[in-house]
Amino acid sequence: MTVYFLQAFIYLVAAVIAVPLAKRFGLGSVLGYLIAGVIIGPITGLVGEETNTIQHFAEFGVVMMLFLVGLELEPKMLWAMRNRYLA
């Protein structure tokens, strides 16, 4: 269990450092997350061997993100967008 907390701590620290730096350079937060992933993965080797374990958490994160997108989606707006692209 301690290994999971250590890995989560590494991910959070990398994100907290990389995202504000990326925003300061005008790159955006998504690129900051990607840069953090490259730095802690292939470059330093802090994480990366536990990909099967992390994959389950990543899949859960994607499902939750899609759920939140579904909550924010308005059917009226979706129907209006359909008419816009048919013309």
Protein backbone atom coordinates (compact mmCIF):
# COMPACT_ATOMS: atom_id res chain seq x y z
CA MET A 1 0.00 0.00 0.00
CA THR A 2 2.88 2.36 0.73
CA VAL A 3 4.15 1.92 -2.82
CA TYR A 4 0.90 3.32 -4.20
CA PHE A 5 1.12 6.37 -1.95
CA LEU A 6 4.71 6.98 -3.01
CA GLN A 7 3.81 6.74 -6.70
CA ALA A 8 0.80 9.02 -6.25
CA PHE A 9 3.02 11.49 -4.41
CA ILE A 10 5.56 11.46 -7.27
CA TYR A 11 2.81 12.06 -9.85
CA LEU A 12 1.26 14.89 -7.86
CA VAL A 13 4.57 16.62 -7.17
CA ALA A 14 5.54 16.39 -10.84
CA ALA A 15 2.20 17.85 -11.90
CA VAL A 16 2.32 20.64 -9.30
CA ILE A 17 5.75 21.67 -10.55
CA ALA A 18 5.35 21.17 -14.31
CA VAL A 19 1.90 22.64 -14.92
CA PRO A 20 2.56 26.12 -13.47
CA LEU A 21 5.87 26.24 -15.34
CA ALA A 22 4.14 25.31 -18.59
CA LYS A 23 1.42 27.92 -17.97
CA ARG A 24 4.09 30.55 -17.26
CA PHE A 25 5.73 29.78 -20.62
CA GLY A 26 2.32 29.99 -22.32
CA LEU A 27 2.11 26.31 -23.24
CA GLY A 28 -1.04 25.15 -21.44
CA SER A 29 -1.73 22.69 -18.66
CA VAL A 30 -2.11 19.58 -20.82
CA LEU A 31 1.36 20.07 -22.24
CA GLY A 32 2.61 20.55 -18.68
CA TYR A 33 1.16 17.18 -17.70
CA LEU A 34 2.82 15.57 -20.72
CA ILE A 35 6.16 17.14 -19.87
CA ALA A 36 5.86 15.94 -16.27
CA GLY A 37 5.11 12.42 -17.50
CA VAL A 38 8.13 12.38 -19.78
CA ILE A 39 10.41 13.68 -17.03
CA ILE A 40 9.33 11.19 -14.34
CA GLY A 41 9.00 8.28 -16.76
CA PRO A 42 11.65 7.69 -19.41
CA ILE A 43 14.14 10.40 -18.39
CA THR A 44 14.53 9.83 -14.63
CA GLY A 45 13.00 6.36 -14.37
CA LEU A 46 11.12 7.19 -11.16
CA VAL A 47 8.02 5.41 -12.43
CA GLY A 48 7.22 3.18 -15.35
CA GLU A 49 7.60 -0.45 -14.30
CA GLU A 50 4.13 -0.59 -12.77
CA THR A 51 2.19 0.11 -15.98
CA ASN A 52 -0.32 -2.71 -15.47
CA THR A 53 -1.29 -1.37 -12.05
CA ILE A 54 -1.52 2.23 -13.23
CA GLN A 55 -3.57 1.24 -16.27
CA HIS A 56 -6.55 0.39 -14.04
CA PHE A 57 -6.43 3.80 -12.38
CA ALA A 58 -6.08 5.50 -15.77
CA GLU A 59 -9.09 3.66 -17.18
CA PHE A 60 -11.14 4.70 -14.17
CA GLY A 61 -10.02 8.32 -14.70
CA VAL A 62 -11.10 8.23 -18.34
CA VAL A 63 -14.49 6.80 -17.40
CA MET A 64 -14.99 9.53 -14.79
CA MET A 65 -13.95 12.22 -17.29
CA LEU A 66 -16.47 10.93 -19.85
CA PHE A 67 -19.13 10.85 -17.14
CA LEU A 68 -18.47 14.50 -16.29
CA VAL A 69 -18.56 15.47 -19.97
CA GLY A 70 -21.91 13.71 -20.22
CA LEU A 71 -23.23 15.67 -17.25
CA GLU A 72 -22.24 18.97 -18.85
CA LEU A 73 -23.61 18.15 -22.30
CA GLU A 74 -26.92 19.75 -23.16
CA PRO A 75 -29.12 17.89 -25.66
CA LYS A 76 -30.40 21.18 -27.15
CA MET A 77 -26.87 22.30 -27.92
CA LEU A 78 -26.01 18.91 -29.42
CA TRP A 79 -29.09 19.03 -31.63
CA ALA A 80 -28.23 22.57 -32.78
CA MET A 81 -24.71 21.48 -33.68
CA ARG A 82 -26.14 18.72 -35.86
CA ASN A 83 -27.98 21.25 -37.99
CA ARG A 84 -24.90 23.44 -38.31
CA TYR A 85 -22.73 20.72 -39.84
CA LEU A 86 -25.33 19.34 -42.21
CA ALA A 87 -25.45 22.52 -44.27
